Protein backbone atom coordinates (compact mmCIF):
# COMPACT_ATOMS: atom_id res chain seq x y z
CA MET A 1 -57.82 26.54 34.37
CA LYS A 2 -59.81 29.69 34.20
CA GLY A 3 -60.20 31.26 37.61
CA GLY A 4 -59.99 29.34 40.85
CA PHE A 5 -60.98 25.70 41.21
CA SER A 6 -63.96 24.87 43.39
CA ALA A 7 -64.19 21.28 44.66
CA PRO A 8 -67.39 19.47 43.58
CA GLY A 9 -70.05 18.98 46.22
CA ASP A 10 -69.97 15.19 45.95
CA TYR A 11 -66.19 15.23 46.47
CA ILE A 12 -66.57 17.33 49.63
CA HIS A 13 -69.20 14.85 50.83
CA PHE A 14 -66.87 11.95 50.01
CA LYS A 15 -64.02 13.49 52.02
CA SER A 16 -66.34 13.88 55.00
CA GLN A 17 -67.41 10.24 54.88
CA VAL A 18 -64.45 8.15 53.72
CA PRO A 19 -61.17 8.06 55.67
CA LEU A 20 -57.83 8.69 54.04
CA HIS A 21 -55.17 6.31 55.34
CA LYS A 22 -51.43 6.93 55.38
CA ILE A 23 -49.06 4.15 56.34
CA PRO A 24 -45.26 3.90 56.09
CA ILE A 25 -43.96 0.58 54.74
CA GLY A 26 -40.20 0.46 54.73
CA THR A 27 -39.04 3.67 53.10
CA LYS A 28 -42.29 4.13 51.17
CA GLN A 29 -45.28 6.18 52.29
CA TRP A 30 -48.62 4.79 51.10
CA ARG A 31 -51.71 6.99 50.84
CA TYR A 32 -54.97 5.21 50.13
CA TYR A 33 -58.73 4.94 50.60
CA ASP A 34 -60.31 1.63 51.57
CA PHE A 35 -64.10 1.43 51.77
CA GLY A 36 -66.73 -1.30 51.48
CA PRO A 37 -67.44 -4.66 53.17
CA LYS A 38 -64.14 -6.29 54.07
CA VAL A 39 -65.45 -9.79 53.32
CA VAL A 40 -65.58 -8.93 49.60
CA PRO A 41 -62.39 -9.30 47.52
CA PRO A 42 -61.28 -5.74 46.79
CA LEU A 43 -61.10 -3.85 43.53
CA ILE A 44 -57.86 -1.84 43.71
CA CYS A 45 -57.68 1.32 41.56
CA LEU A 46 -54.31 2.53 40.24
CA PRO A 47 -54.13 6.06 38.75
CA GLY A 48 -52.01 7.44 35.94
CA ILE A 49 -49.20 9.99 36.13
CA ALA A 50 -51.51 12.92 36.85
CA GLY A 51 -53.82 11.04 39.21
CA THR A 52 -54.02 10.48 42.94
CA ALA A 53 -56.10 8.17 45.11
CA ASP A 54 -58.78 10.88 45.15
CA VAL A 55 -59.57 10.70 41.43
CA TYR A 56 -61.55 7.47 41.95
CA TYR A 57 -63.84 8.93 44.59
CA LYS A 58 -66.92 8.44 42.37
CA GLN A 59 -66.16 4.72 42.05
CA ILE A 60 -65.63 4.39 45.81
CA MET A 61 -68.91 6.14 46.60
CA SER A 62 -71.00 4.21 44.09
CA LEU A 63 -69.57 0.69 44.30
CA SER A 64 -69.24 0.62 48.09
CA MET A 65 -72.94 1.47 48.40
CA LYS A 66 -73.69 -1.57 46.24
CA GLY A 67 -71.70 -3.89 48.50
CA TYR A 68 -68.28 -3.90 46.83
CA ARG A 69 -64.97 -3.11 48.52
CA VAL A 70 -62.89 -0.51 46.67
CA ILE A 71 -59.30 0.48 47.47
CA SER A 72 -57.77 3.48 45.71
CA VAL A 73 -54.04 4.10 46.15
CA ASP A 74 -51.46 6.71 45.29
CA ILE A 75 -48.45 5.42 43.39
CA PRO A 76 -45.58 5.71 45.90
CA ARG A 77 -42.16 7.13 45.12
CA VAL A 78 -40.60 4.20 43.28
CA TRP A 79 -38.26 4.70 40.35
CA HIS A 80 -38.10 1.28 38.69
CA HIS A 81 -40.61 -1.39 37.76
CA THR A 82 -39.07 -4.04 40.03
CA ASP A 83 -39.28 -1.61 42.94
CA TRP A 84 -42.98 -1.10 42.19
CA ILE A 85 -43.72 -4.84 42.21
CA GLN A 86 -41.97 -5.37 45.54
CA ALA A 87 -43.45 -2.25 47.15
CA PHE A 88 -47.01 -3.08 46.07
CA GLU A 89 -46.72 -6.63 47.37
CA LYS A 90 -45.56 -5.33 50.76
CA PHE A 91 -48.51 -2.92 50.78
CA LEU A 92 -50.98 -5.75 50.17
CA ASP A 93 -49.37 -7.76 52.97
CA ALA A 94 -49.58 -4.77 55.31
CA ILE A 95 -53.33 -4.30 54.78
CA ASP A 96 -53.92 -8.08 54.89
CA VAL A 97 -55.20 -8.45 51.33
CA HIS A 98 -54.19 -11.49 49.32
CA HIS A 99 -56.34 -11.89 46.19
CA ILE A 100 -57.16 -8.73 44.28
CA HIS A 101 -58.86 -7.32 41.19
CA LEU A 102 -56.98 -4.42 39.59
CA TYR A 103 -58.40 -1.43 37.73
CA GLY A 104 -55.65 0.69 36.18
CA THR A 105 -55.76 3.70 33.89
CA SER A 106 -52.83 4.82 31.73
CA LEU A 107 -49.64 4.23 33.78
CA GLY A 108 -51.74 2.48 36.44
CA GLY A 109 -52.88 -0.07 33.86
CA PHE A 110 -49.29 -0.75 32.82
CA LEU A 111 -48.24 -1.25 36.46
CA ALA A 112 -51.25 -3.51 37.04
CA GLN A 113 -50.16 -5.75 34.16
CA LEU A 114 -46.59 -5.90 35.46
CA PHE A 115 -47.81 -6.99 38.88
CA ALA A 116 -50.11 -9.60 37.33
CA GLN A 117 -47.17 -10.93 35.33
CA HIS A 118 -44.78 -11.28 38.27
CA ARG A 119 -47.31 -12.10 41.03
CA PRO A 120 -49.93 -14.16 39.14
CA ARG A 121 -51.30 -15.90 42.24
CA ARG A 122 -52.51 -12.65 43.75
CA VAL A 123 -54.28 -11.09 40.75
CA ARG A 124 -57.71 -12.49 39.90
CA SER A 125 -58.69 -10.07 37.11
CA LEU A 126 -57.75 -6.85 35.32
CA VAL A 127 -59.63 -3.82 34.05
CA LEU A 128 -57.41 -1.73 31.77
CA SER A 129 -58.39 1.74 30.60
CA ASN A 130 -56.41 3.80 28.05
CA SER A 131 -53.31 1.77 28.88
CA PHE A 132 -50.25 0.33 27.11
CA LEU A 133 -47.81 -2.60 27.03
CA GLU A 134 -44.36 -1.00 26.74
CA THR A 135 -42.56 2.22 27.59
CA GLN A 136 -40.14 2.52 24.67
CA SER A 137 -42.22 5.11 22.82
CA PHE A 138 -42.44 7.31 25.93
CA SER A 139 -38.72 7.20 26.62
CA ALA A 140 -37.99 8.05 22.97
CA ALA A 141 -40.28 11.08 23.22
CA MET A 142 -38.59 12.25 26.41
CA PRO A 143 -34.82 12.54 25.73
CA TRP A 144 -34.25 14.28 29.06
CA ALA A 145 -35.57 11.25 30.99
CA PRO A 146 -32.10 10.48 32.51
CA VAL A 147 -32.17 13.81 34.37
CA VAL A 148 -35.84 13.72 35.37
CA SER A 149 -34.91 13.43 39.04
CA TRP A 150 -32.99 16.73 38.76
CA THR A 151 -35.72 18.64 36.96
CA PRO A 152 -37.45 21.47 38.86
CA SER A 153 -41.02 20.94 40.00
CA PHE A 154 -42.58 23.64 37.82
CA LEU A 155 -41.10 22.09 34.67
CA LEU A 156 -42.37 18.63 35.63
CA LYS A 157 -45.87 19.94 36.28
CA ARG A 158 -45.88 21.84 33.03
CA TYR A 159 -44.75 18.73 31.13
CA VAL A 160 -47.52 16.62 32.70
CA LEU A 161 -50.20 19.25 32.13
CA THR A 162 -49.27 19.76 28.47
CA GLY A 163 -50.13 16.08 27.96
CA ILE A 164 -53.75 16.85 28.85
CA ARG A 165 -55.72 18.08 25.88
CA ASP A 166 -56.77 21.71 26.07
CA GLY A 167 -59.62 23.32 24.17
CA PRO A 168 -63.40 22.88 23.89
CA HIS A 169 -64.78 20.10 26.08
CA GLU A 170 -68.17 18.81 27.06
CA PRO A 171 -69.04 20.18 30.52
CA PHE A 172 -68.44 16.92 32.37
CA ILE A 173 -65.13 16.30 30.59
CA ALA A 174 -64.04 19.87 31.34
CA ASP A 175 -64.89 19.36 35.02
CA SER A 176 -62.86 16.14 35.09
CA VAL A 177 -59.85 17.95 33.62
CA ASP A 178 -60.16 20.71 36.22
CA PHE A 179 -60.27 18.16 39.03
CA VAL A 180 -57.20 16.27 37.80
CA VAL A 181 -55.25 19.51 37.31
CA SER A 182 -56.06 20.43 40.92
CA GLN A 183 -54.67 17.04 42.01
CA VAL A 184 -51.47 17.56 40.02
CA GLU A 185 -50.88 20.74 42.01
CA THR A 186 -50.81 18.65 45.21
CA LEU A 187 -48.02 16.37 43.95
CA SER A 188 -44.43 17.04 44.99
CA ARG A 189 -41.44 17.13 42.68
CA GLU A 190 -40.37 13.66 43.82
CA ASP A 191 -43.86 12.25 43.16
CA LEU A 192 -43.94 13.58 39.60
CA ALA A 193 -40.32 12.64 38.86
CA SER A 194 -40.78 9.06 40.06
CA ARG A 195 -43.94 8.58 37.99
CA LEU A 196 -42.28 9.94 34.87
CA SER A 197 -39.36 7.63 35.60
CA LEU A 198 -41.75 4.64 35.73
CA THR A 199 -43.22 5.75 32.39
CA THR A 200 -39.82 6.00 30.68
CA ASP A 201 -38.02 3.15 32.45
CA ASP A 202 -37.25 0.54 29.81
CA GLY A 203 -39.73 -2.29 30.23
CA SER A 204 -42.62 -4.19 28.71
CA VAL A 205 -45.35 -6.56 29.81
CA GLY A 206 -44.64 -10.22 29.17
CA PRO A 207 -47.14 -13.07 28.82
CA LEU A 208 -49.70 -13.31 31.62
CA LEU A 209 -50.93 -16.50 33.23
CA LEU A 210 -54.27 -14.75 33.65
CA SER A 211 -56.92 -15.83 31.16
CA ASP A 212 -58.16 -13.24 28.68
CA SER A 213 -61.67 -13.92 29.93
CA CYS A 214 -60.65 -12.27 33.22
CA ILE A 215 -59.56 -9.06 31.48
CA THR A 216 -61.74 -6.12 30.45
CA ILE A 217 -60.37 -3.36 28.19
CA MET A 218 -62.30 -0.14 28.77
CA ASP A 219 -61.42 2.70 26.38
CA THR A 220 -62.88 5.97 25.19
CA ASN A 221 -63.47 6.57 21.50
CA ASP A 222 -63.03 10.34 21.38
CA TYR A 223 -59.43 11.19 22.36
CA CYS A 224 -56.78 10.19 24.85
CA ALA A 225 -53.17 11.04 25.70
CA ILE A 226 -52.15 7.43 24.98
CA PRO A 227 -51.44 6.99 21.23
CA GLN A 228 -53.96 4.80 19.42
CA GLN A 229 -51.16 2.53 18.23
CA LEU A 230 -50.30 1.58 21.83
CA LYS A 231 -53.96 0.97 22.63
CA ASP A 232 -54.24 -1.29 19.57
CA GLN A 233 -51.19 -3.27 20.74
CA LEU A 234 -52.94 -3.86 24.05
CA SER A 235 -56.09 -5.12 22.31
CA GLU A 236 -54.04 -7.45 20.11
CA ARG A 237 -52.24 -8.90 23.15
CA TYR A 238 -55.57 -9.91 24.75
CA PRO A 239 -57.79 -10.93 21.82
CA GLU A 240 -60.39 -12.71 23.98
CA ALA A 241 -60.71 -9.92 26.54
CA ARG A 242 -64.03 -8.16 26.95
CA ARG A 243 -64.27 -4.73 25.35
CA ALA A 244 -66.09 -1.82 26.94
CA TYR A 245 -66.11 1.25 24.72
CA MET A 246 -67.41 4.67 25.68
CA LYS A 247 -68.26 7.14 22.96
CA THR A 248 -66.86 10.07 24.95
CA GLY A 249 -64.99 10.55 28.19
CA GLY A 250 -61.57 11.94 27.34
CA ASP A 251 -58.55 10.99 29.41
CA PHE A 252 -60.48 10.61 32.67
CA PRO A 253 -63.74 8.72 32.02
CA PHE A 254 -63.90 7.62 35.66
CA LEU A 255 -64.63 11.30 36.45
CA SER A 256 -66.40 12.48 33.30
CA ARG A 257 -68.54 9.35 32.73
CA PRO A 258 -68.64 7.74 36.19
CA ASP A 259 -71.98 5.98 35.74
CA GLU A 260 -70.83 4.20 32.60
CA VAL A 261 -67.49 3.27 34.16
CA ASN A 262 -69.17 2.01 37.33
CA LEU A 263 -71.58 -0.09 35.28
CA HIS A 264 -68.72 -1.68 33.33
CA LEU A 265 -66.84 -2.36 36.58
CA GLN A 266 -69.88 -4.05 38.08
CA LEU A 267 -70.34 -6.20 34.97
CA HIS A 268 -66.68 -7.19 35.12
CA LEU A 269 -66.70 -8.05 38.83
CA ARG A 270 -69.84 -10.16 38.47
CA ARG A 271 -68.40 -11.96 35.46
CA VAL A 272 -65.23 -12.94 37.37
CA GLY A 273 -67.25 -14.17 40.34
CA VAL A 274 -67.12 -11.30 42.85
CA GLU A 275 -70.34 -11.30 44.84
CA PRO A 276 -71.29 -7.95 46.40
CA ARG A 277 -72.65 -7.79 49.93
CA PRO A 278 -75.28 -5.02 49.93
CA ASP A 279 -76.69 -6.52 53.13
CA LEU A 280 -73.57 -5.26 54.92
CA VAL A 281 -73.87 -1.71 53.64
CA HIS A 282 -76.82 -0.43 55.66
CA GLY A 283 -76.40 -0.29 59.40
CA ILE A 284 -72.82 -1.48 59.26
CA PRO A 285 -71.18 -1.61 62.70
CA LYS A 286 -67.96 0.35 62.93
CA GLY A 287 -65.08 -1.72 61.63
CA ASP A 288 -67.04 -3.76 59.06
CA LEU A 289 -66.24 -1.33 56.29
CA GLY A 290 -62.87 -1.66 54.64
CA GLY A 291 -60.14 0.34 56.32
CA SER A 292 -56.89 -0.28 58.08
CA PRO A 293 -56.83 -3.85 59.42
CA SER A 294 -56.14 -2.74 62.96
CA ASN A 295 -59.47 -0.90 63.00
CA GLU A 296 -61.37 -4.16 62.62
CA ASN A 297 -61.66 -4.83 66.33
CA ASP A 298 -62.09 -1.22 67.34
CA GLY A 299 -64.72 -1.15 70.03
CA SER A 300 -65.16 2.60 70.37
CA ASP A 301 -68.55 4.25 69.88
CA SER A 302 -69.56 5.36 66.42
CA ASP A 303 -69.87 9.00 67.44
CA LYS A 304 -66.19 9.19 68.45
CA SER A 305 -63.34 9.94 66.12
CA PRO A 306 -61.30 6.84 65.20
CA LYS A 307 -57.82 6.54 66.64
CA ASP A 308 -54.80 6.26 64.41
CA ASP A 309 -53.79 2.63 64.10
CA ASP A 310 -50.27 1.26 64.38
CA ARG A 311 -49.64 1.49 60.65
CA GLY A 312 -51.10 4.91 60.03
CA GLY A 313 -54.07 7.15 60.64
CA SER A 314 -57.05 8.50 58.78
CA GLU A 315 -57.81 12.11 58.07
CA ASN A 316 -61.59 12.12 58.28
CA PRO A 317 -63.56 12.02 61.54
CA SER A 318 -66.30 9.75 60.19
CA ALA A 319 -63.75 7.10 59.27
CA GLU A 320 -65.72 3.83 59.15
CA SER A 321 -69.28 5.15 59.19
CA GLU A 322 -71.88 4.44 56.56
CA ILE A 323 -71.85 6.70 53.51
CA GLN A 324 -74.88 8.96 53.43
CA PRO A 325 -76.48 9.87 50.08
CA ALA A 326 -74.34 12.44 48.31
CA PRO A 327 -75.80 15.86 47.52
CA GLU A 328 -76.52 16.90 43.97
CA SER A 329 -73.58 18.53 42.20
CA SER A 330 -72.79 19.86 38.79
CA GLY A 331 -70.62 16.82 38.06
CA SER A 332 -73.14 14.09 38.88
CA HIS A 333 -75.30 12.56 36.18
CA SER A 334 -76.94 9.25 36.98
CA LEU A 335 -77.88 6.77 34.28
CA ASP A 336 -80.96 5.93 36.33
CA ASN A 337 -82.33 9.43 35.69
CA GLN A 338 -81.80 9.35 31.94
CA PRO A 339 -84.38 8.05 29.46
CA LEU A 340 -83.58 4.68 27.95
CA GLU A 341 -83.71 6.19 24.48
CA SER A 342 -80.59 8.24 25.26
CA SER A 343 -78.33 5.21 25.59
CA GLU A 344 -77.36 2.19 23.57
CA TYR A 345 -75.96 -1.02 25.00
CA HIS A 346 -74.36 -3.58 22.72
CA GLN A 347 -72.94 -6.99 23.49
CA LEU A 348 -71.38 -8.65 20.46
CA GLY A 349 -69.39 -11.75 21.35
CA HIS A 350 -66.80 -10.45 23.79
CA GLU A 351 -67.54 -6.80 23.13
CA ILE A 352 -69.64 -4.67 25.48
CA THR A 353 -70.42 -1.11 24.46
CA LEU A 354 -72.47 1.47 26.32
CA TYR A 355 -73.13 4.73 24.51
CA ILE A 356 -74.60 7.80 26.14
CA PHE A 357 -75.56 10.77 24.02
CA PRO A 358 -75.35 13.96 26.12
CA GLY A 359 -77.17 17.10 25.11
CA GLU A 360 -74.99 19.62 26.91
CA LEU A 361 -73.30 22.47 25.09
CA MET A 362 -69.57 22.50 24.62
CA LYS A 363 -67.53 24.78 26.84
CA GLU A 364 -63.90 25.74 26.80
CA LYS A 365 -61.53 25.21 29.70
CA HIS A 366 -57.93 26.38 29.91
CA ILE A 367 -55.65 23.95 31.67
CA VAL A 368 -52.54 26.07 31.99
CA PRO A 369 -52.75 29.85 32.35
CA PRO A 370 -51.15 31.63 29.40
CA LYS A 371 -47.55 32.63 30.01
CA THR A 372 -45.48 35.42 28.55
CA PRO A 373 -42.33 34.76 26.49
CA VAL A 374 -40.31 35.82 29.53
CA HIS A 375 -41.66 32.87 31.51
CA PHE A 376 -40.75 30.43 28.74
CA MET A 377 -37.29 31.97 28.46
CA TRP A 378 -36.60 31.51 32.18
CA GLU A 379 -37.85 27.92 32.08
CA TYR A 380 -35.50 26.98 29.28
CA ILE A 381 -32.59 28.89 30.85
CA VAL A 382 -33.01 26.91 34.07
CA LEU A 383 -33.28 23.60 32.20
CA PHE A 384 -30.24 24.51 30.06
CA HIS A 385 -28.08 25.21 33.09
CA VAL A 386 -29.20 22.01 34.82
CA LEU A 387 -28.25 19.93 31.78
CA ARG A 388 -24.97 21.84 31.38
CA TYR A 389 -24.09 21.21 35.02
CA ILE A 390 -24.75 17.49 34.69
CA SER A 391 -22.70 17.26 31.51
CA SER A 392 -19.82 19.07 33.24
CA LEU A 393 -19.89 16.55 36.06
CA TYR A 394 -19.76 13.76 33.51
CA ILE A 395 -16.75 15.30 31.73
CA LEU A 396 -14.90 15.82 35.02
CA TRP A 397 -15.60 12.24 35.98
CA ASN A 398 -14.15 10.98 32.67
CA HIS A 399 -11.00 13.14 33.08
CA SER A 400 -10.50 11.88 36.61
CA LEU A 401 -10.62 8.30 35.35
CA GLU A 402 -8.05 9.07 32.63
CA PHE A 403 -5.78 10.79 35.15
CA ARG A 404 -5.93 7.80 37.48
CA GLN A 405 -4.99 5.47 34.62
CA VAL A 406 -1.99 7.68 33.75
CA VAL A 407 -0.84 7.81 37.39
């Protein structure tokens, strides 16, 4: 990034209106947003390696105002796919949610498919964006994956950030990159290591009991960190799934093209039978908006700060209040304010395509500040010594086994 990052105005407004919940479940700490009428089956958003629950704030703001319930979660510190499936099921039980619709991007889309495969009764539909079916190609490209849990934080962050394309971007794509980079800076070493471990852990998605008609594949046509070959494999696996293509959007279309993404999500939810409840949005009594289950019967006045429930608290004082209209910001661009001539909408069989042609100039954003050769030298020296230490332990362990056999 060039200079300091300034949070968008609509994100500041979101943080002041929507509560952040933190609940411990077993040894896992879950961090999530839950907003919208609780009577509506929720759309649960799962981020990629570089994402947090905050990256879907534009979807939470928009869809909850239309009467949908949206839950956005952080991926907890789990290291294997089976651990993820069990931990996510316990999370759903803890917040009293049984049937869900999953929207996953990149790693989040892969984890969503795994959960749908192993817990088919709970998943009603899938929206997959820039996702994949197997992790073999990632593990092959990351030979140091076995020691990822030992790797220093600055090397992990640098590895994640180098996967984000640098160079000239459209203004809204550049803003989305800046926002995600700021979220990466908030992640701990354990968070990054566990997510990279999930990406390189040997595994693949098997056949799903879910019908292809309940799956939407939403991809961008410009560029993405996920290789096109893996995206093609996903499309071939679900030949009857609906396609939603965006002409531009980069790696984070939910931030750079939120109006298009929100429109595709609404079309998907309506197609799979989710009825919004806009009548519950305006003048909602406290507790009728999605949050921690124990807040449902909270009888305190709306002008008081909500108490932390038994499973965790919320960070924002206006926890369950109605979202007020967000202020204008440099990152907001509503489709309602654009002329119809600037967009094209196609529906061919199972394919849905919405194209928006922006007129903004290109601007350049730097993701990682330039570093001197001395910085690179120290990074590789540290990594070399870590690997050498681990190999020494392995050699000593082998010699100890041989010595015991001789004795």
